PDB file of all heavy atoms in Angstrom:
ATOM      1  N   TYR A   1      14.841  -4.978 -10.988  1.00  0.00           N
ATOM      2  CA  TYR A   1      15.437  -3.674 -10.675  1.00  0.00           C
ATOM      3  C   TYR A   1      14.446  -2.562 -11.003  1.00  0.00           C
ATOM      4  O   TYR A   1      14.257  -1.627 -10.223  1.00  0.00           O
ATOM      5  CB  TYR A   1      16.722  -3.517 -11.482  1.00  0.00           C
ATOM      6  CG  TYR A   1      17.555  -2.298 -11.173  1.00  0.00           C
ATOM      7  CD1 TYR A   1      17.993  -2.015  -9.882  1.00  0.00           C
ATOM      8  CD2 TYR A   1      17.952  -1.429 -12.199  1.00  0.00           C
ATOM      9  CE1 TYR A   1      18.779  -0.912  -9.605  1.00  0.00           C
ATOM     10  CE2 TYR A   1      18.738  -0.320 -11.933  1.00  0.00           C
ATOM     11  CZ  TYR A   1      19.149  -0.063 -10.641  1.00  0.00           C
ATOM     12  OH  TYR A   1      19.937   1.028 -10.381  1.00  0.00           O
ATOM     13  N   GLU A   2      13.787  -2.690 -12.130  1.00  0.00           N
ATOM     14  CA  GLU A   2      12.789  -1.701 -12.543  1.00  0.00           C
ATOM     15  C   GLU A   2      11.615  -1.646 -11.565  1.00  0.00           C
ATOM     16  O   GLU A   2      11.053  -0.577 -11.317  1.00  0.00           O
ATOM     17  CB  GLU A   2      12.294  -2.043 -13.942  1.00  0.00           C
ATOM     18  CG  GLU A   2      11.280  -1.072 -14.513  1.00  0.00           C
ATOM     19  CD  GLU A   2      10.980  -1.380 -15.972  1.00  0.00           C
ATOM     20  OE1 GLU A   2      10.124  -2.249 -16.235  1.00  0.00           O
ATOM     21  OE2 GLU A   2      11.614  -0.755 -16.844  1.00  0.00           O
ATOM     22  N   LYS A   3      11.264  -2.774 -10.988  1.00  0.00           N
ATOM     23  CA  LYS A   3      10.128  -2.829 -10.074  1.00  0.00           C
ATOM     24  C   LYS A   3      10.416  -2.138  -8.744  1.00  0.00           C
ATOM     25  O   LYS A   3       9.492  -1.794  -8.003  1.00  0.00           O
ATOM     26  CB  LYS A   3       9.707  -4.287  -9.845  1.00  0.00           C
ATOM     27  CG  LYS A   3       9.005  -4.894 -11.057  1.00  0.00           C
ATOM     28  CD  LYS A   3       8.785  -6.385 -10.921  1.00  0.00           C
ATOM     29  CE  LYS A   3       8.124  -6.936 -12.179  1.00  0.00           C
ATOM     30  NZ  LYS A   3       8.046  -8.416 -12.178  1.00  0.00           N
ATOM     31  N   ILE A   4      11.692  -1.916  -8.429  1.00  0.00           N
ATOM     32  CA  ILE A   4      12.048  -1.165  -7.230  1.00  0.00           C
ATOM     33  C   ILE A   4      11.984   0.337  -7.487  1.00  0.00           C
ATOM     34  O   ILE A   4      11.709   1.121  -6.581  1.00  0.00           O
ATOM     35  CB  ILE A   4      13.478  -1.544  -6.770  1.00  0.00           C
ATOM     36  CG1 ILE A   4      13.519  -3.012  -6.355  1.00  0.00           C
ATOM     37  CG2 ILE A   4      13.952  -0.667  -5.620  1.00  0.00           C
ATOM     38  CD1 ILE A   4      14.923  -3.513  -6.018  1.00  0.00           C
ATOM     39  N   ILE A   5      12.196   0.736  -8.746  1.00  0.00           N
ATOM     40  CA  ILE A   5      12.373   2.145  -9.086  1.00  0.00           C
ATOM     41  C   ILE A   5      11.183   2.755  -9.828  1.00  0.00           C
ATOM     42  O   ILE A   5      10.776   3.892  -9.556  1.00  0.00           O
ATOM     43  CB  ILE A   5      13.638   2.312  -9.971  1.00  0.00           C
ATOM     44  CG1 ILE A   5      14.872   1.804  -9.231  1.00  0.00           C
ATOM     45  CG2 ILE A   5      13.809   3.759 -10.412  1.00  0.00           C
ATOM     46  CD1 ILE A   5      16.096   1.645 -10.110  1.00  0.00           C
ATOM     47  N   GLY A   6      10.624   2.029 -10.776  1.00  0.00           N
ATOM     48  CA  GLY A   6       9.680   2.589 -11.740  1.00  0.00           C
ATOM     49  C   GLY A   6       8.364   3.070 -11.156  1.00  0.00           C
ATOM     50  O   GLY A   6       7.849   2.545 -10.156  1.00  0.00           O
ATOM     51  N   GLY A   7       7.800   4.066 -11.802  1.00  0.00           N
ATOM     52  CA  GLY A   7       6.530   4.631 -11.385  1.00  0.00           C
ATOM     53  C   GLY A   7       5.364   3.668 -11.505  1.00  0.00           C
ATOM     54  O   GLY A   7       4.330   3.858 -10.853  1.00  0.00           O
ATOM     55  N   LYS A   8       5.519   2.644 -12.322  1.00  0.00           N
ATOM     56  CA  LYS A   8       4.450   1.655 -12.455  1.00  0.00           C
ATOM     57  C   LYS A   8       4.236   0.894 -11.154  1.00  0.00           C
ATOM     58  O   LYS A   8       3.139   0.366 -10.899  1.00  0.00           O
ATOM     59  CB  LYS A   8       4.793   0.683 -13.586  1.00  0.00           C
ATOM     60  CG  LYS A   8       3.713  -0.353 -13.867  1.00  0.00           C
ATOM     61  CD  LYS A   8       4.069  -1.217 -15.075  1.00  0.00           C
ATOM     62  CE  LYS A   8       2.976  -2.229 -15.372  1.00  0.00           C
ATOM     63  NZ  LYS A   8       3.285  -3.049 -16.556  1.00  0.00           N
ATOM     64  N   TYR A   9       5.268   0.840 -10.307  1.00  0.00           N
ATOM     65  CA  TYR A   9       5.229  -0.011  -9.121  1.00  0.00           C
ATOM     66  C   TYR A   9       5.332   0.748  -7.790  1.00  0.00           C
ATOM     67  O   TYR A   9       4.971   0.202  -6.750  1.00  0.00           O
ATOM     68  CB  TYR A   9       6.381  -1.028  -9.194  1.00  0.00           C
ATOM     69  CG  TYR A   9       6.438  -1.770 -10.502  1.00  0.00           C
ATOM     70  CD1 TYR A   9       7.316  -1.377 -11.516  1.00  0.00           C
ATOM     71  CD2 TYR A   9       5.593  -2.847 -10.756  1.00  0.00           C
ATOM     72  CE1 TYR A   9       7.359  -2.044 -12.725  1.00  0.00           C
ATOM     73  CE2 TYR A   9       5.628  -3.522 -11.970  1.00  0.00           C
ATOM     74  CZ  TYR A   9       6.519  -3.115 -12.958  1.00  0.00           C
ATOM     75  OH  TYR A   9       6.551  -3.766 -14.163  1.00  0.00           O
ATOM     76  N   MET A  10       5.821   1.976  -7.810  1.00  0.00           N
ATOM     77  CA  MET A  10       6.101   2.693  -6.570  1.00  0.00           C
ATOM     78  C   MET A  10       4.864   2.845  -5.684  1.00  0.00           C
ATOM     79  O   MET A  10       4.914   2.620  -4.467  1.00  0.00           O
ATOM     80  CB  MET A  10       6.700   4.075  -6.877  1.00  0.00           C
ATOM     81  CG  MET A  10       7.299   4.767  -5.680  1.00  0.00           C
ATOM     82  SD  MET A  10       7.903   6.435  -6.072  1.00  0.00           S
ATOM     83  CE  MET A  10       9.202   6.071  -7.234  1.00  0.00           C
ATOM     84  N   GLY A  11       3.750   3.227  -6.265  1.00  0.00           N
ATOM     85  CA  GLY A  11       2.526   3.404  -5.492  1.00  0.00           C
ATOM     86  C   GLY A  11       2.033   2.109  -4.874  1.00  0.00           C
ATOM     87  O   GLY A  11       1.544   2.094  -3.734  1.00  0.00           O
ATOM     88  N   GLU A  12       2.183   1.011  -5.605  1.00  0.00           N
ATOM     89  CA  GLU A  12       1.749  -0.285  -5.084  1.00  0.00           C
ATOM     90  C   GLU A  12       2.623  -0.721  -3.907  1.00  0.00           C
ATOM     91  O   GLU A  12       2.119  -1.304  -2.934  1.00  0.00           O
ATOM     92  CB  GLU A  12       1.793  -1.338  -6.192  1.00  0.00           C
ATOM     93  CG  GLU A  12       1.354  -2.733  -5.778  1.00  0.00           C
ATOM     94  CD  GLU A  12      -0.094  -2.835  -5.331  1.00  0.00           C
ATOM     95  OE1 GLU A  12      -0.844  -1.838  -5.441  1.00  0.00           O
ATOM     96  OE2 GLU A  12      -0.490  -3.917  -4.856  1.00  0.00           O
ATOM     97  N   ILE A  13       3.910  -0.438  -3.956  1.00  0.00           N
ATOM     98  CA  ILE A  13       4.784  -0.754  -2.824  1.00  0.00           C
ATOM     99  C   ILE A  13       4.324   0.015  -1.592  1.00  0.00           C
ATOM    100  O   ILE A  13       4.237  -0.542  -0.486  1.00  0.00           O
ATOM    101  CB  ILE A  13       6.250  -0.427  -3.157  1.00  0.00           C
ATOM    102  CG1 ILE A  13       6.756  -1.339  -4.277  1.00  0.00           C
ATOM    103  CG2 ILE A  13       7.132  -0.588  -1.918  1.00  0.00           C
ATOM    104  CD1 ILE A  13       8.137  -0.969  -4.803  1.00  0.00           C
ATOM    105  N   VAL A  14       4.018   1.297  -1.768  1.00  0.00           N
ATOM    106  CA  VAL A  14       3.528   2.112  -0.650  1.00  0.00           C
ATOM    107  C   VAL A  14       2.247   1.512  -0.082  1.00  0.00           C
ATOM    108  O   VAL A  14       2.090   1.392   1.144  1.00  0.00           O
ATOM    109  CB  VAL A  14       3.282   3.569  -1.105  1.00  0.00           C
ATOM    110  CG1 VAL A  14       2.481   4.333  -0.049  1.00  0.00           C
ATOM    111  CG2 VAL A  14       4.601   4.274  -1.378  1.00  0.00           C
ATOM    112  N   ARG A  15       1.326   1.110  -0.953  1.00  0.00           N
ATOM    113  CA  ARG A  15       0.053   0.539  -0.490  1.00  0.00           C
ATOM    114  C   ARG A  15       0.298  -0.700   0.366  1.00  0.00           C
ATOM    115  O   ARG A  15      -0.335  -0.876   1.422  1.00  0.00           O
ATOM    116  CB  ARG A  15      -0.826   0.183  -1.693  1.00  0.00           C
ATOM    117  CG  ARG A  15      -2.255  -0.242  -1.326  1.00  0.00           C
ATOM    118  CD  ARG A  15      -3.021  -0.740  -2.553  1.00  0.00           C
ATOM    119  NE  ARG A  15      -2.519  -2.033  -2.991  1.00  0.00           N
ATOM    120  CZ  ARG A  15      -2.914  -3.209  -2.492  1.00  0.00           C
ATOM    121  NH1 ARG A  15      -3.821  -3.252  -1.519  1.00  0.00           N
ATOM    122  NH2 ARG A  15      -2.411  -4.342  -2.953  1.00  0.00           N
ATOM    123  N   LEU A  16       1.206  -1.543  -0.053  1.00  0.00           N
ATOM    124  CA  LEU A  16       1.497  -2.774   0.686  1.00  0.00           C
ATOM    125  C   LEU A  16       2.121  -2.467   2.056  1.00  0.00           C
ATOM    126  O   LEU A  16       1.820  -3.140   3.046  1.00  0.00           O
ATOM    127  CB  LEU A  16       2.424  -3.666  -0.135  1.00  0.00           C
ATOM    128  CG  LEU A  16       1.798  -4.262  -1.403  1.00  0.00           C
ATOM    129  CD1 LEU A  16       2.865  -4.940  -2.254  1.00  0.00           C
ATOM    130  CD2 LEU A  16       0.686  -5.247  -1.056  1.00  0.00           C
ATOM    131  N   VAL A  17       2.967  -1.461   2.115  1.00  0.00           N
ATOM    132  CA  VAL A  17       3.558  -1.055   3.401  1.00  0.00           C
ATOM    133  C   VAL A  17       2.469  -0.533   4.328  1.00  0.00           C
ATOM    134  O   VAL A  17       2.427  -0.862   5.534  1.00  0.00           O
ATOM    135  CB  VAL A  17       4.658   0.003   3.205  1.00  0.00           C
ATOM    136  CG1 VAL A  17       5.179   0.484   4.559  1.00  0.00           C
ATOM    137  CG2 VAL A  17       5.803  -0.549   2.366  1.00  0.00           C
ATOM    138  N   LEU A  18       1.565   0.274   3.780  1.00  0.00           N
ATOM    139  CA  LEU A  18       0.469   0.819   4.600  1.00  0.00           C
ATOM    140  C   LEU A  18      -0.402  -0.307   5.154  1.00  0.00           C
ATOM    141  O   LEU A  18      -0.798  -0.273   6.337  1.00  0.00           O
ATOM    142  CB  LEU A  18      -0.380   1.784   3.774  1.00  0.00           C
ATOM    143  CG  LEU A  18       0.310   3.053   3.254  1.00  0.00           C
ATOM    144  CD1 LEU A  18      -0.681   3.913   2.474  1.00  0.00           C
ATOM    145  CD2 LEU A  18       0.937   3.854   4.394  1.00  0.00           C
ATOM    146  N   LEU A  19      -0.697  -1.308   4.345  1.00  0.00           N
ATOM    147  CA  LEU A  19      -1.506  -2.435   4.822  1.00  0.00           C
ATOM    148  C   LEU A  19      -0.788  -3.204   5.931  1.00  0.00           C
ATOM    149  O   LEU A  19      -1.428  -3.670   6.882  1.00  0.00           O
ATOM    150  CB  LEU A  19      -1.831  -3.373   3.655  1.00  0.00           C
ATOM    151  CG  LEU A  19      -2.861  -2.862   2.640  1.00  0.00           C
ATOM    152  CD1 LEU A  19      -3.062  -3.882   1.530  1.00  0.00           C
ATOM    153  CD2 LEU A  19      -4.198  -2.561   3.321  1.00  0.00           C
ATOM    154  N   LYS A  20       0.523  -3.332   5.816  1.00  0.00           N
ATOM    155  CA  LYS A  20       1.296  -4.019   6.860  1.00  0.00           C
ATOM    156  C   LYS A  20       1.191  -3.243   8.180  1.00  0.00           C
ATOM    157  O   LYS A  20       1.021  -3.833   9.254  1.00  0.00           O
ATOM    158  CB  LYS A  20       2.757  -4.133   6.421  1.00  0.00           C
ATOM    159  CG  LYS A  20       3.680  -4.804   7.436  1.00  0.00           C
ATOM    160  CD  LYS A  20       3.350  -6.280   7.601  1.00  0.00           C
ATOM    161  CE  LYS A  20       4.323  -6.979   8.556  1.00  0.00           C
ATOM    162  NZ  LYS A  20       5.695  -7.072   8.005  1.00  0.00           N
ATOM    163  N   LEU A  21       1.272  -1.927   8.112  1.00  0.00           N
ATOM    164  CA  LEU A  21       1.159  -1.102   9.306  1.00  0.00           C
ATOM    165  C   LEU A  21      -0.247  -1.179   9.905  1.00  0.00           C
ATOM    166  O   LEU A  21      -0.410  -1.157  11.134  1.00  0.00           O
ATOM    167  CB  LEU A  21       1.516   0.349   8.978  1.00  0.00           C
ATOM    168  CG  LEU A  21       2.979   0.607   8.585  1.00  0.00           C
ATOM    169  CD1 LEU A  21       3.175   2.048   8.140  1.00  0.00           C
ATOM    170  CD2 LEU A  21       3.907   0.271   9.746  1.00  0.00           C
ATOM    171  N   VAL A  22      -1.245  -1.277   9.040  1.00  0.00           N
ATOM    172  CA  VAL A  22      -2.621  -1.446   9.535  1.00  0.00           C
ATOM    173  C   VAL A  22      -2.744  -2.784  10.266  1.00  0.00           C
ATOM    174  O   VAL A  22      -3.337  -2.865  11.357  1.00  0.00           O
ATOM    175  CB  VAL A  22      -3.629  -1.384   8.364  1.00  0.00           C
ATOM    176  CG1 VAL A  22      -5.023  -1.810   8.847  1.00  0.00           C
ATOM    177  CG2 VAL A  22      -3.690   0.022   7.782  1.00  0.00           C
ATOM    178  N   ASP A  23      -2.196  -3.840   9.676  1.00  0.00           N
ATOM    179  CA  ASP A  23      -2.258  -5.171  10.291  1.00  0.00           C
ATOM    180  C   ASP A  23      -1.582  -5.191  11.659  1.00  0.00           C
ATOM    181  O   ASP A  23      -1.983  -5.951  12.541  1.00  0.00           O
ATOM    182  CB  ASP A  23      -1.588  -6.207   9.381  1.00  0.00           C
ATOM    183  CG  ASP A  23      -2.417  -6.509   8.142  1.00  0.00           C
ATOM    184  OD1 ASP A  23      -3.624  -6.181   8.147  1.00  0.00           O
ATOM    185  OD2 ASP A  23      -1.865  -7.055   7.166  1.00  0.00           O
ATOM    186  N   GLU A  24      -0.558  -4.343  11.817  1.00  0.00           N
ATOM    187  CA  GLU A  24       0.151  -4.284  13.096  1.00  0.00           C
ATOM    188  C   GLU A  24      -0.457  -3.241  14.038  1.00  0.00           C
ATOM    189  O   GLU A  24       0.124  -2.914  15.066  1.00  0.00           O
ATOM    190  CB  GLU A  24       1.629  -3.989  12.836  1.00  0.00           C
ATOM    191  CG  GLU A  24       2.331  -5.113  12.075  1.00  0.00           C
ATOM    192  CD  GLU A  24       3.805  -4.842  11.835  1.00  0.00           C
ATOM    193  OE1 GLU A  24       4.273  -3.728  12.176  1.00  0.00           O
ATOM    194  OE2 GLU A  24       4.491  -5.740  11.319  1.00  0.00           O
ATOM    195  N   ASN A  25      -1.624  -2.727  13.635  1.00  0.00           N
ATOM    196  CA  ASN A  25      -2.382  -1.760  14.439  1.00  0.00           C
ATOM    197  C   ASN A  25      -1.598  -0.462  14.696  1.00  0.00           C
ATOM    198  O   ASN A  25      -1.748   0.175  15.739  1.00  0.00           O
ATOM    199  CB  ASN A  25      -2.792  -2.383  15.770  1.00  0.00           C
ATOM    200  CG  ASN A  25      -4.016  -1.696  16.364  1.00  0.00           C
ATOM    201  OD1 ASN A  25      -4.881  -1.205  15.624  1.00  0.00           O
ATOM    202  ND2 ASN A  25      -4.097  -1.630  17.683  1.00  0.00           N
ATOM    203  N   LEU A  26      -0.795  -0.081  13.706  1.00  0.00           N
ATOM    204  CA  LEU A  26       0.004   1.138  13.816  1.00  0.00           C
ATOM    205  C   LEU A  26      -0.547   2.270  12.961  1.00  0.00           C
ATOM    206  O   LEU A  26      -0.011   3.381  12.991  1.00  0.00           O
ATOM    207  CB  LEU A  26       1.453   0.842  13.394  1.00  0.00           C
ATOM    208  CG  LEU A  26       2.214  -0.168  14.256  1.00  0.00           C
ATOM    209  CD1 LEU A  26       3.559  -0.504  13.624  1.00  0.00           C
ATOM    210  CD2 LEU A  26       2.408   0.385  15.667  1.00  0.00           C
ATOM    211  N   LEU A  27      -1.630   1.989  12.227  1.00  0.00           N
ATOM    212  CA  LEU A  27      -2.154   2.979  11.290  1.00  0.00           C
ATOM    213  C   LEU A  27      -3.658   2.820  11.148  1.00  0.00           C
ATOM    214  O   LEU A  27      -4.187   1.702  11.125  1.00  0.00           O
ATOM    215  CB  LEU A  27      -1.465   2.787   9.924  1.00  0.00           C
ATOM    216  CG  LEU A  27      -1.654   3.851   8.852  1.00  0.00           C
ATOM    217  CD1 LEU A  27      -1.065   5.193   9.297  1.00  0.00           C
ATOM    218  CD2 LEU A  27      -0.969   3.414   7.554  1.00  0.00           C
ATOM    219  N   PHE A  28      -4.372   3.932  11.073  1.00  0.00           N
ATOM    220  CA  PHE A  28      -5.831   3.952  10.848  1.00  0.00           C
ATOM    221  C   PHE A  28      -6.593   3.094  11.871  1.00  0.00           C
ATOM    222  O   PHE A  28      -7.583   2.429  11.528  1.00  0.00           O
ATOM    223  CB  PHE A  28      -6.167   3.486   9.427  1.00  0.00           C
ATOM    224  CG  PHE A  28      -5.432   4.198   8.344  1.00  0.00           C
ATOM    225  CD1 PHE A  28      -4.894   3.487   7.269  1.00  0.00           C
ATOM    226  CD2 PHE A  28      -5.246   5.574   8.372  1.00  0.00           C
ATOM    227  CE1 PHE A  28      -4.210   4.141   6.250  1.00  0.00           C
ATOM    228  CE2 PHE A  28      -4.552   6.240   7.368  1.00  0.00           C
ATOM    229  CZ  PHE A  28      -4.028   5.515   6.306  1.00  0.00           C
ATOM    230  N   ASN A  29      -6.104   3.073  13.102  1.00  0.00           N
ATOM    231  CA  ASN A  29      -6.748   2.294  14.167  1.00  0.00           C
ATOM    232  C   ASN A  29      -6.893   0.819  13.809  1.00  0.00           C
ATOM    233  O   ASN A  29      -7.817   0.135  14.271  1.00  0.00           O
ATOM    234  CB  ASN A  29      -8.127   2.877  14.514  1.00  0.00           C
ATOM    235  CG  ASN A  29      -8.013   4.230  15.190  1.00  0.00           C
ATOM    236  OD1 ASN A  29      -7.140   4.443  16.030  1.00  0.00           O
ATOM    237  ND2 ASN A  29      -8.889   5.148  14.821  1.00  0.00           N
ATOM    238  N   GLY A  30      -5.987   0.345  12.976  1.00  0.00           N
ATOM    239  CA  GLY A  30      -5.992  -1.075  12.618  1.00  0.00           C
ATOM    240  C   GLY A  30      -7.053  -1.457  11.610  1.00  0.00           C
ATOM    241  O   GLY A  30      -7.310  -2.660  11.415  1.00  0.00           O
ATOM    242  N   GLU A  31      -7.678  -0.478  10.951  1.00  0.00           N
ATOM    243  CA  GLU A  31      -8.736  -0.790   9.985  1.00  0.00           C
ATOM    244  C   GLU A  31      -8.426  -0.153   8.631  1.00  0.00           C
ATOM    245  O   GLU A  31      -8.220   1.055   8.530  1.00  0.00           O
ATOM    246  CB  GLU A  31     -10.089  -0.284  10.494  1.00  0.00           C
ATOM    247  CG  GLU A  31     -10.546  -0.961  11.787  1.00  0.00           C
ATOM    248  CD  GLU A  31     -11.915  -0.470  12.231  1.00  0.00           C
ATOM    249  OE1 GLU A  31     -12.565   0.244  11.432  1.00  0.00           O
ATOM    250  OE2 GLU A  31     -12.329  -0.785  13.355  1.00  0.00           O
ATOM    251  N   ALA A  32      -8.405  -0.984   7.589  1.00  0.00           N
ATOM    252  CA  ALA A  32      -8.166  -0.510   6.220  1.00  0.00           C
ATOM    253  C   ALA A  32      -9.468  -0.557   5.431  1.00  0.00           C
ATOM    254  O   ALA A  32     -10.302  -1.443   5.626  1.00  0.00           O
ATOM    255  CB  ALA A  32      -7.117  -1.379   5.531  1.00  0.00           C
ATOM    256  N   SER A  33      -9.661   0.409   4.559  1.00  0.00           N
ATOM    257  CA  SER A  33     -10.853   0.418   3.705  1.00  0.00           C
ATOM    258  C   SER A  33     -10.702  -0.603   2.585  1.00  0.00           C
ATOM    259  O   SER A  33      -9.594  -1.057   2.276  1.00  0.00           O
ATOM    260  CB  SER A  33     -11.043   1.809   3.106  1.00  0.00           C
ATOM    261  OG  SER A  33      -9.964   2.120   2.229  1.00  0.00           O
ATOM    262  N   GLU A  34     -11.827  -0.958   1.981  1.00  0.00           N
ATOM    263  CA  GLU A  34     -11.778  -1.897   0.863  1.00  0.00           C
ATOM    264  C   GLU A  34     -10.970  -1.320  -0.306  1.00  0.00           C
ATOM    265  O   GLU A  34     -10.289  -2.056  -1.021  1.00  0.00           O
ATOM    266  CB  GLU A  34     -13.198  -2.242   0.398  1.00  0.00           C
ATOM    267  CG  GLU A  34     -13.961  -3.126   1.357  1.00  0.00           C
ATOM    268  CD  GLU A  34     -13.238  -4.439   1.629  1.00  0.00           C
ATOM    269  OE1 GLU A  34     -12.751  -5.064   0.646  1.00  0.00           O
ATOM    270  OE2 GLU A  34     -13.132  -4.821   2.805  1.00  0.00           O
ATOM    271  N   LYS A  35     -11.058  -0.009  -0.469  1.00  0.00           N
ATOM    272  CA  LYS A  35     -10.313   0.618  -1.568  1.00  0.00           C
ATOM    273  C   LYS A  35      -8.818   0.488  -1.346  1.00  0.00           C
ATOM    274  O   LYS A  35      -8.064   0.196  -2.280  1.00  0.00           O
ATOM    275  CB  LYS A  35     -10.706   2.094  -1.705  1.00  0.00           C
ATOM    276  CG  LYS A  35     -10.122   2.763  -2.937  1.00  0.00           C
ATOM    277  CD  LYS A  35     -10.720   4.151  -3.143  1.00  0.00           C
ATOM    278  CE  LYS A  35     -10.161   4.779  -4.422  1.00  0.00           C
ATOM    279  NZ  LYS A  35     -10.727   6.128  -4.665  1.00  0.00           N
ATOM    280  N   LEU A  36      -8.373   0.686  -0.112  1.00  0.00           N
ATOM    281  CA  LEU A  36      -6.946   0.553   0.178  1.00  0.00           C
ATOM    282  C   LEU A  36      -6.497  -0.900   0.023  1.00  0.00           C
ATOM    283  O   LEU A  36      -5.339  -1.161  -0.326  1.00  0.00           O
ATOM    284  CB  LEU A  36      -6.636   1.047   1.587  1.00  0.00           C
ATOM    285  CG  LEU A  36      -5.150   1.112   1.962  1.00  0.00           C
ATOM    286  CD1 LEU A  36      -4.408   2.122   1.080  1.00  0.00           C
ATOM    287  CD2 LEU A  36      -4.969   1.483   3.434  1.00  0.00           C
ATOM    288  N   LYS A  37      -7.397  -1.830   0.242  1.00  0.00           N
ATOM    289  CA  LYS A  37      -7.062  -3.249   0.115  1.00  0.00           C
ATOM    290  C   LYS A  37      -7.001  -3.711  -1.338  1.00  0.00           C
ATOM    291  O   LYS A  37      -6.551  -4.823  -1.613  1.00  0.00           O
ATOM    292  CB  LYS A  37      -8.108  -4.099   0.857  1.00  0.00           C
ATOM    293  CG  LYS A  37      -8.102  -3.945   2.365  1.00  0.00           C
ATOM    294  CD  LYS A  37      -9.213  -4.790   2.980  1.00  0.00           C
ATOM    295  CE  LYS A  37      -9.283  -4.608   4.486  1.00  0.00           C
ATOM    296  NZ  LYS A  37     -10.401  -5.400   5.085  1.00  0.00           N
ATOM    297  N   THR A  38      -7.468  -2.867  -2.243  1.00  0.00           N
ATOM    298  CA  THR A  38      -7.539  -3.255  -3.654  1.00  0.00           C
ATOM    299  C   THR A  38      -6.230  -2.950  -4.377  1.00  0.00           C
ATOM    300  O   THR A  38      -5.749  -1.817  -4.347  1.00  0.00           O
ATOM    301  CB  THR A  38      -8.693  -2.514  -4.361  1.00  0.00           C
ATOM    302  OG1 THR A  38      -9.916  -2.776  -3.653  1.00  0.00           O
ATOM    303  CG2 THR A  38      -8.819  -2.986  -5.808  1.00  0.00           C
ATOM    304  N   ARG A  39      -5.668  -3.959  -5.017  1.00  0.00           N
ATOM    305  CA  ARG A  39      -4.377  -3.811  -5.700  1.00  0.00           C
ATOM    306  C   ARG A  39      -4.444  -2.749  -6.790  1.00  0.00           C
ATOM    307  O   ARG A  39      -5.392  -2.694  -7.566  1.00  0.00           O
ATOM    308  CB  ARG A  39      -3.959  -5.157  -6.321  1.00  0.00           C
ATOM    309  CG  ARG A  39      -2.585  -5.138  -6.981  1.00  0.00           C
ATOM    310  CD  ARG A  39      -2.087  -6.549  -7.207  1.00  0.00           C
ATOM    311  NE  ARG A  39      -2.850  -7.236  -8.241  1.00  0.00           N
ATOM    312  CZ  ARG A  39      -2.511  -7.272  -9.525  1.00  0.00           C
ATOM    313  NH1 ARG A  39      -1.432  -6.634  -9.930  1.00  0.00           N
ATOM    314  NH2 ARG A  39      -3.242  -7.933 -10.391  1.00  0.00           N
ATOM    315  N   GLY A  40      -3.436  -1.908  -6.827  1.00  0.00           N
ATOM    316  CA  GLY A  40      -3.306  -0.916  -7.890  1.00  0.00           C
ATOM    317  C   GLY A  40      -4.028   0.394  -7.651  1.00  0.00           C
ATOM    318  O   GLY A  40      -3.949   1.299  -8.483  1.00  0.00           O
ATOM    319  N   THR A  41      -4.711   0.524  -6.521  1.00  0.00           N
ATOM    320  CA  THR A  41      -5.501   1.749  -6.284  1.00  0.00           C
ATOM    321  C   THR A  41      -4.641   2.933  -5.849  1.00  0.00           C
ATOM    322  O   THR A  41      -4.963   4.086  -6.144  1.00  0.00           O
ATOM    323  CB  THR A  41      -6.580   1.512  -5.219  1.00  0.00           C
ATOM    324  OG1 THR A  41      -5.966   0.948  -4.046  1.00  0.00           O
ATOM    325  CG2 THR A  41      -7.643   0.556  -5.730  1.00  0.00           C
ATOM    326  N   PHE A  42      -3.541   2.656  -5.138  1.00  0.00           N
ATOM    327  CA  PHE A  42      -2.686   3.747  -4.666  1.00  0.00           C
ATOM    328  C   PHE A  42      -1.643   4.031  -5.748  1.00  0.00           C
ATOM    329  O   PHE A  42      -0.572   3.439  -5.783  1.00  0.00           O
ATOM    330  CB  PHE A  42      -2.009   3.387  -3.336  1.00  0.00           C
ATOM    331  CG  PHE A  42      -1.559   4.598  -2.553  1.00  0.00           C
ATOM    332  CD1 PHE A  42      -2.377   5.155  -1.579  1.00  0.00           C
ATOM    333  CD2 PHE A  42      -0.335   5.201  -2.800  1.00  0.00           C
ATOM    334  CE1 PHE A  42      -1.984   6.273  -0.854  1.00  0.00           C
ATOM    335  CE2 PHE A  42       0.079   6.313  -2.087  1.00  0.00           C
ATOM    336  CZ  PHE A  42      -0.744   6.861  -1.112  1.00  0.00           C
ATOM    337  N   GLU A  43      -1.994   4.942  -6.635  1.00  0.00           N
ATOM    338  CA  GLU A  43      -1.138   5.222  -7.785  1.00  0.00           C
ATOM    339  C   GLU A  43       0.082   6.047  -7.373  1.00  0.00           C
ATOM    340  O   GLU A  43       0.078   6.737  -6.342  1.00  0.00           O
ATOM    341  CB  GLU A  43      -1.933   5.966  -8.861  1.00  0.00           C
ATOM    342  CG  GLU A  43      -3.140   5.181  -9.357  1.00  0.00           C
ATOM    343  CD  GLU A  43      -4.017   6.012 -10.281  1.00  0.00           C
ATOM    344  OE1 GLU A  43      -3.553   7.056 -10.784  1.00  0.00           O
ATOM    345  OE2 GLU A  43      -5.180   5.612 -10.490  1.00  0.00           O
ATOM    346  N   THR A  44       1.117   5.995  -8.198  1.00  0.00           N
ATOM    347  CA  THR A  44       2.355   6.710  -7.878  1.00  0.00           C
ATOM    348  C   THR A  44       2.136   8.221  -7.814  1.00  0.00           C
ATOM    349  O   THR A  44       2.841   8.920  -7.079  1.00  0.00           O
ATOM    350  CB  THR A  44       3.443   6.346  -8.901  1.00  0.00           C
ATOM    351  OG1 THR A  44       3.698   4.929  -8.797  1.00  0.00           O
ATOM    352  CG2 THR A  44       4.740   7.096  -8.644  1.00  0.00           C
TER     353      THR A  44
END
């Protein structure tokens, strides 16, 4: 429950959604940077 709400995890959830959209060629012309691919980089 905390992992859905807490600030420790919110940014990482967003990062994973963004990567999914990149994979589906709906964002950033289908190309993600290495930084965006790195876990924990998109902070809350």
